[in-house]
Protein backbone atom coordinates (compact mmCIF):
# COMPACT_ATOMS: atom_id res chain seq x y z
CA MET A 1 0.00 0.00 0.00
CA GLN A 2 1.53 3.31 -1.09
CA ILE A 3 0.52 6.18 1.18
CA THR A 4 0.30 9.38 -0.87
CA HIS A 5 -1.68 11.76 1.38
CA GLY A 6 -0.81 13.13 4.78
CA MET A 7 -1.71 15.75 7.34
CA ILE A 8 0.30 17.69 9.91
CA LEU A 9 -1.68 18.99 12.89
CA ALA A 10 -0.55 22.58 13.37
CA ALA A 11 -3.57 24.56 14.60
CA GLY A 12 -2.94 24.59 18.35
CA LEU A 13 -2.38 27.69 20.48
CA GLY A 14 1.01 26.54 21.80
CA ALA A 15 0.19 27.71 25.33
CA ARG A 16 2.74 25.41 26.99
CA MET A 17 5.49 26.77 24.73
CA ARG A 18 5.08 30.36 25.93
CA PRO A 19 6.78 32.82 25.83
CA LEU A 20 8.22 31.45 22.54
CA THR A 21 4.74 31.31 21.01
CA LEU A 22 3.61 34.82 21.93
CA ALA A 23 4.53 35.98 18.42
CA THR A 24 5.26 32.68 16.64
CA PRO A 25 2.98 29.64 16.16
CA LYS A 26 4.50 26.53 17.71
CA PRO A 27 4.95 24.70 14.37
CA MET A 28 7.22 27.56 13.26
CA ILE A 29 9.47 27.37 16.34
CA GLU A 30 12.92 26.39 15.10
CA LEU A 31 14.69 23.19 16.08
CA ALA A 32 18.33 23.15 14.98
CA GLY A 33 17.63 25.97 12.55
CA THR A 34 14.54 24.44 10.90
CA PRO A 35 10.91 25.04 11.92
CA LEU A 36 9.22 22.05 13.51
CA LEU A 37 6.84 22.07 10.57
CA GLY A 38 9.79 21.80 8.20
CA TRP A 39 11.09 18.71 9.99
CA HIS A 40 7.70 17.06 9.54
CA MET A 41 7.41 18.03 5.91
CA GLN A 42 10.83 16.52 5.28
CA ALA A 43 9.77 13.34 7.07
CA MET A 44 6.54 13.11 5.07
CA ARG A 45 8.44 13.40 1.81
CA GLY A 46 10.77 10.66 2.99
CA TYR A 47 7.73 8.45 3.57
CA GLY A 48 6.64 9.01 -0.03
CA VAL A 49 3.74 11.32 0.84
CA SER A 50 3.19 13.68 -2.08
CA LYS A 51 0.10 15.64 -0.99
CA LEU A 52 0.04 17.33 2.39
CA VAL A 53 -2.56 19.22 4.40
CA VAL A 54 -1.50 21.49 7.27
CA ASN A 55 -4.31 22.83 9.45
CA THR A 56 -3.86 26.31 10.92
CA HIS A 57 -5.52 28.65 13.39
CA TYR A 58 -3.23 30.62 15.70
CA LEU A 59 -1.03 33.11 13.77
CA ALA A 60 -2.07 31.18 10.68
CA GLU A 61 -0.56 33.66 8.23
CA GLN A 62 2.97 32.66 9.27
CA ILE A 63 2.33 29.02 8.45
CA GLN A 64 0.51 29.96 5.26
CA GLU A 65 3.50 32.02 4.10
CA TYR A 66 5.89 29.17 4.90
CA VAL A 67 4.03 26.52 2.90
CA GLU A 68 2.54 28.53 0.04
CA ALA A 69 5.60 28.14 -2.22
CA MET A 70 5.78 24.39 -1.63
CA PRO A 71 4.14 22.10 -4.19
CA GLN A 72 1.22 19.88 -3.20
CA VAL A 73 0.84 21.45 0.27
CA THR A 74 -2.51 22.90 1.37
CA ALA A 75 -2.84 25.15 4.42
CA LEU A 76 -6.37 24.66 5.75
CA TYR A 77 -7.53 27.42 8.08
CA GLU A 78 -9.83 26.73 11.03
CA ALA A 79 -11.80 29.82 12.03
CA GLU A 80 -12.51 28.07 15.34
CA LEU A 81 -10.29 25.42 16.86
CA LEU A 82 -11.65 22.00 15.93
CA GLU A 83 -9.29 19.91 18.13
CA THR A 84 -7.55 16.85 16.74
CA GLY A 85 -10.57 14.87 15.58
CA GLY A 86 -12.52 17.80 14.23
CA GLY A 87 -9.45 19.12 12.46
CA ILE A 88 -8.85 15.84 10.64
CA ARG A 89 -12.54 15.45 9.80
CA HIS A 90 -12.53 18.98 8.35
CA ALA A 91 -9.57 18.04 6.13
CA LEU A 92 -11.04 14.78 4.80
CA PRO A 93 -12.04 16.25 1.40
CA GLN A 94 -8.36 17.06 0.85
CA LEU A 95 -7.07 13.66 1.97
CA GLY A 96 -8.52 11.32 -0.64
CA GLU A 97 -10.36 8.03 -0.22
CA ALA A 98 -7.42 5.82 0.81
CA PRO A 99 -5.59 5.60 4.16
CA PHE A 100 -3.57 8.71 5.02
CA VAL A 101 -0.86 9.48 7.56
CA VAL A 102 -1.19 12.11 10.30
CA ALA A 103 1.51 13.61 12.51
CA ASN A 104 1.52 16.06 15.42
CA SER A 105 3.70 19.08 14.72
CA ASP A 106 5.22 19.10 18.23
CA ALA A 107 6.68 15.58 18.30
CA LEU A 108 9.22 13.81 16.09
CA CYS A 109 9.88 10.12 15.57
CA ILE A 110 13.57 9.65 14.80
CA ASP A 111 13.22 7.36 11.81
CA PRO A 112 16.20 7.87 9.44
CA GLN A 113 15.28 4.84 7.33
CA ALA A 114 11.71 6.14 6.85
CA GLN A 115 10.12 2.78 7.63
CA LEU A 116 7.32 3.67 10.03
CA VAL A 117 4.64 4.51 7.48
CA THR A 118 5.41 1.31 5.57
CA ARG A 119 5.09 -0.65 8.80
CA MET A 120 1.77 1.00 9.60
CA ALA A 121 0.52 0.30 6.08
CA ASP A 122 1.48 -3.36 6.46
CA ALA A 123 -0.54 -3.48 9.71
CA MET A 124 -3.67 -1.96 8.15
CA HIS A 125 -6.08 -4.43 6.58
CA LYS A 126 -9.81 -4.52 5.88
CA GLU A 127 -10.69 -4.96 9.56
CA VAL A 128 -8.47 -2.10 10.78
CA ASP A 129 -9.33 1.61 10.48
CA ALA A 130 -6.42 3.07 12.45
CA VAL A 131 -2.80 2.15 13.16
CA LEU A 132 -0.97 4.12 15.85
CA THR A 133 2.79 4.38 16.26
CA LEU A 134 3.83 3.81 19.86
CA VAL A 135 7.21 4.18 21.52
CA PRO A 136 8.46 2.61 24.77
CA ARG A 137 8.44 5.17 27.57
CA GLU A 138 12.20 4.84 27.97
CA HIS A 139 12.68 6.07 24.38
CA ALA A 140 10.43 9.12 24.83
CA ARG A 141 12.63 12.21 25.16
CA GLY A 142 11.07 15.29 26.76
CA TYR A 143 8.19 13.21 28.14
CA ASP A 144 7.52 12.51 31.83
CA GLY A 145 3.97 11.13 31.66
CA ALA A 146 2.59 7.77 32.72
CA GLY A 147 2.29 6.26 29.23
CA ASP A 148 -0.81 5.70 27.14
CA PHE A 149 -1.24 2.09 25.98
CA THR A 150 -0.42 -1.55 26.47
CA LEU A 151 0.03 -3.81 23.47
CA ASN A 152 -0.17 -7.59 23.75
CA ASP A 153 -0.13 -9.80 20.64
CA GLY A 154 -1.43 -6.89 18.58
CA GLU A 155 -4.27 -6.14 21.03
CA LEU A 156 -4.21 -2.48 21.99
CA ALA A 157 -5.57 -1.26 25.31
CA ARG A 158 -5.54 2.06 27.15
CA ARG A 159 -3.65 2.50 30.41
CA GLY A 160 -6.92 3.03 32.26
CA GLU A 161 -6.56 2.97 36.05
CA ALA A 162 -3.03 1.54 36.01
CA PRO A 163 -0.30 3.87 37.34
CA HIS A 164 1.86 3.34 34.26
CA ALA A 165 1.71 1.94 30.75
CA PRO A 166 4.75 0.77 28.77
CA TYR A 167 3.99 2.69 25.57
CA VAL A 168 3.47 6.33 24.63
CA PHE A 169 1.45 7.36 21.58
CA THR A 170 3.78 9.36 19.32
CA GLY A 171 1.06 11.17 17.38
CA LEU A 172 2.11 9.47 14.13
CA GLN A 173 -0.81 7.43 12.83
CA LEU A 174 -2.36 5.92 9.73
CA LEU A 175 -6.11 6.47 9.39
CA HIS A 176 -8.73 5.22 6.98
CA PRO A 177 -11.44 7.77 6.06
CA ARG A 178 -14.12 5.25 7.10
CA ALA A 179 -13.00 5.76 10.72
CA PHE A 180 -14.88 9.09 10.59
CA VAL A 181 -18.21 7.77 9.25
CA HIS A 182 -19.93 8.28 12.61
CA ALA A 183 -17.82 11.22 13.76
CA PRO A 184 -19.57 14.21 15.33
CA GLU A 185 -19.71 17.66 13.79
CA GLY A 186 -17.49 20.51 14.96
CA ALA A 187 -14.70 20.25 17.51
CA PHE A 188 -13.85 16.90 19.10
CA SER A 189 -10.83 14.93 20.22
CA MET A 190 -9.49 11.95 18.31
CA ASN A 191 -10.11 10.03 21.53
CA VAL A 192 -13.76 9.84 20.44
CA ILE A 193 -12.63 7.88 17.37
CA TYR A 194 -10.06 5.77 19.23
CA ASN A 195 -12.54 4.75 21.92
CA ARG A 196 -15.05 3.52 19.34
CA LEU A 197 -12.40 1.67 17.33
CA LEU A 198 -11.00 0.06 20.48
CA ALA A 199 -14.48 -1.18 21.38
CA GLU A 200 -14.93 -2.56 17.85
CA GLY A 201 -11.45 -4.08 17.59
CA ARG A 202 -10.64 -1.95 14.54
CA ILE A 203 -7.45 -0.30 15.77
CA THR A 204 -3.92 -1.60 16.25
CA ALA A 205 -0.38 -0.26 16.64
CA VAL A 206 3.25 -0.64 15.68
CA VAL A 207 6.12 -0.02 18.07
CA HIS A 208 8.88 2.37 17.03
CA ASP A 209 12.27 1.02 18.06
CA GLY A 210 14.00 4.40 17.78
CA ASP A 211 13.75 7.57 19.81
CA TRP A 212 10.89 10.04 19.97
CA LEU A 213 11.22 13.73 20.75
CA HIS A 214 8.29 15.34 22.55
CA ILE A 215 8.58 19.10 22.01
CA GLY A 216 5.62 20.41 23.95
CA ASP A 217 7.32 23.12 26.02
CA PRO A 218 10.63 25.06 26.16
CA ASP A 219 12.28 22.30 28.20
CA GLY A 220 11.27 19.70 25.60
CA LEU A 221 12.68 21.96 22.88
CA ALA A 222 15.98 22.26 24.76
CA GLN A 223 16.16 18.48 25.18
CA ALA A 224 15.48 18.00 21.47
CA GLU A 225 18.23 20.49 20.57
CA ALA A 226 20.67 18.62 22.82
CA TYR A 227 19.62 15.30 21.32
CA LEU A 228 20.32 16.50 17.79
CA VAL A 229 23.72 17.82 18.81
CA ASP A 230 24.59 14.33 20.04
CA HIS A 231 23.00 12.62 17.03
CA ARG A 232 24.11 14.70 14.06
CA GLU A 233 23.55 11.78 11.72
CA VAL A 234 19.80 12.29 12.21
CA MET A 235 20.04 15.73 10.63
CA LEU A 236 21.84 14.28 7.62
CA ALA A 237 19.48 11.35 7.06
């Protein structure tokens, strides 16, 4: 399965990244001299994605200016924040009828061989509407949470009441448009979709065996900068 369409979620307010986001949208914050959005666009091209949608809201004109000269990239403005699920649903007309890849603009999977989307595509079959990329908590840089999921023999489950879970959701995911058939109108979280797919057994995951950089606040940005200094080969991949 060749994945040709993708989306980068870039419409958030970036509140946790203040004061850096007082005049700059978080996707345009630079990491090692390149905006976070630029890192993701480079990764998407490496995965073979040729048509990209970037949703915008806060300081949208800066993102619009950055992408407007780039071929096959559409900046899709949200007059009101639609959250993750509503934002993707809003972009569906631009994403085609086949499975498409989605990434969060404030987190990076270190995947120099560009294999993750192929692995997700291999895991998606007619009974699966979503494939999430997970990373072991010990490989999550800039993250101090309790984890999100367990994964046993391909069966995905939320952490629930447990104090910890071994895997963190990276934000990189492969979605089939049919996952949104019963989606609500307006703003909603992708958790609405995940919860339904979990109940129906129509969601699975792959585990990334590399590192993951969570860049949600200035400390996460500093850790990501330090990581790239120590792993210069990543920047050249």
